[in-house]
């Protein structure tokens, strides 16, 4: 009987209601990834935590503003202008961004097609000699300008 009690005490100490697997999941779910960038836009991760793009879509103006950010969400310069590939019924269309300011960290795409949700749009961004082609995030509920 004493042996049985001795075996149950350690099990009771471990059975504090917390599943060790749940703790691991809780830690992994808090990865530190932000949903929105420093300007309130949506974040797109480039590579494995290499950098981020922050995207703000203003349907009223027909613009898409892109902020280039490093892995710590600080501004980083792009050596060349990003390109937005828009799918069109009559064929794809490319829109080249214009740099805003002198730092080449903020870029603006302007096109009448951006007055609607840019579904299926894809970016082409070169950072550190590597080309990334992420999709533009879109919302089912739509934007009303940010």
Foldseek 3Di string as FASTA:
>chain_A
DVVVVVVVVVVVVVPPVDDVVVVVVVVVVPPVDDQAAPVRFGWDADDPLQWIWGWFAALVQQKIKIFTGGSVRHGDAAPAWKWKWAQDPVGIDIWTWDDDDDRNGMTMTHDNVSNFWRPPMWMWGADPNDTDIHHDDTDPVTDNGD
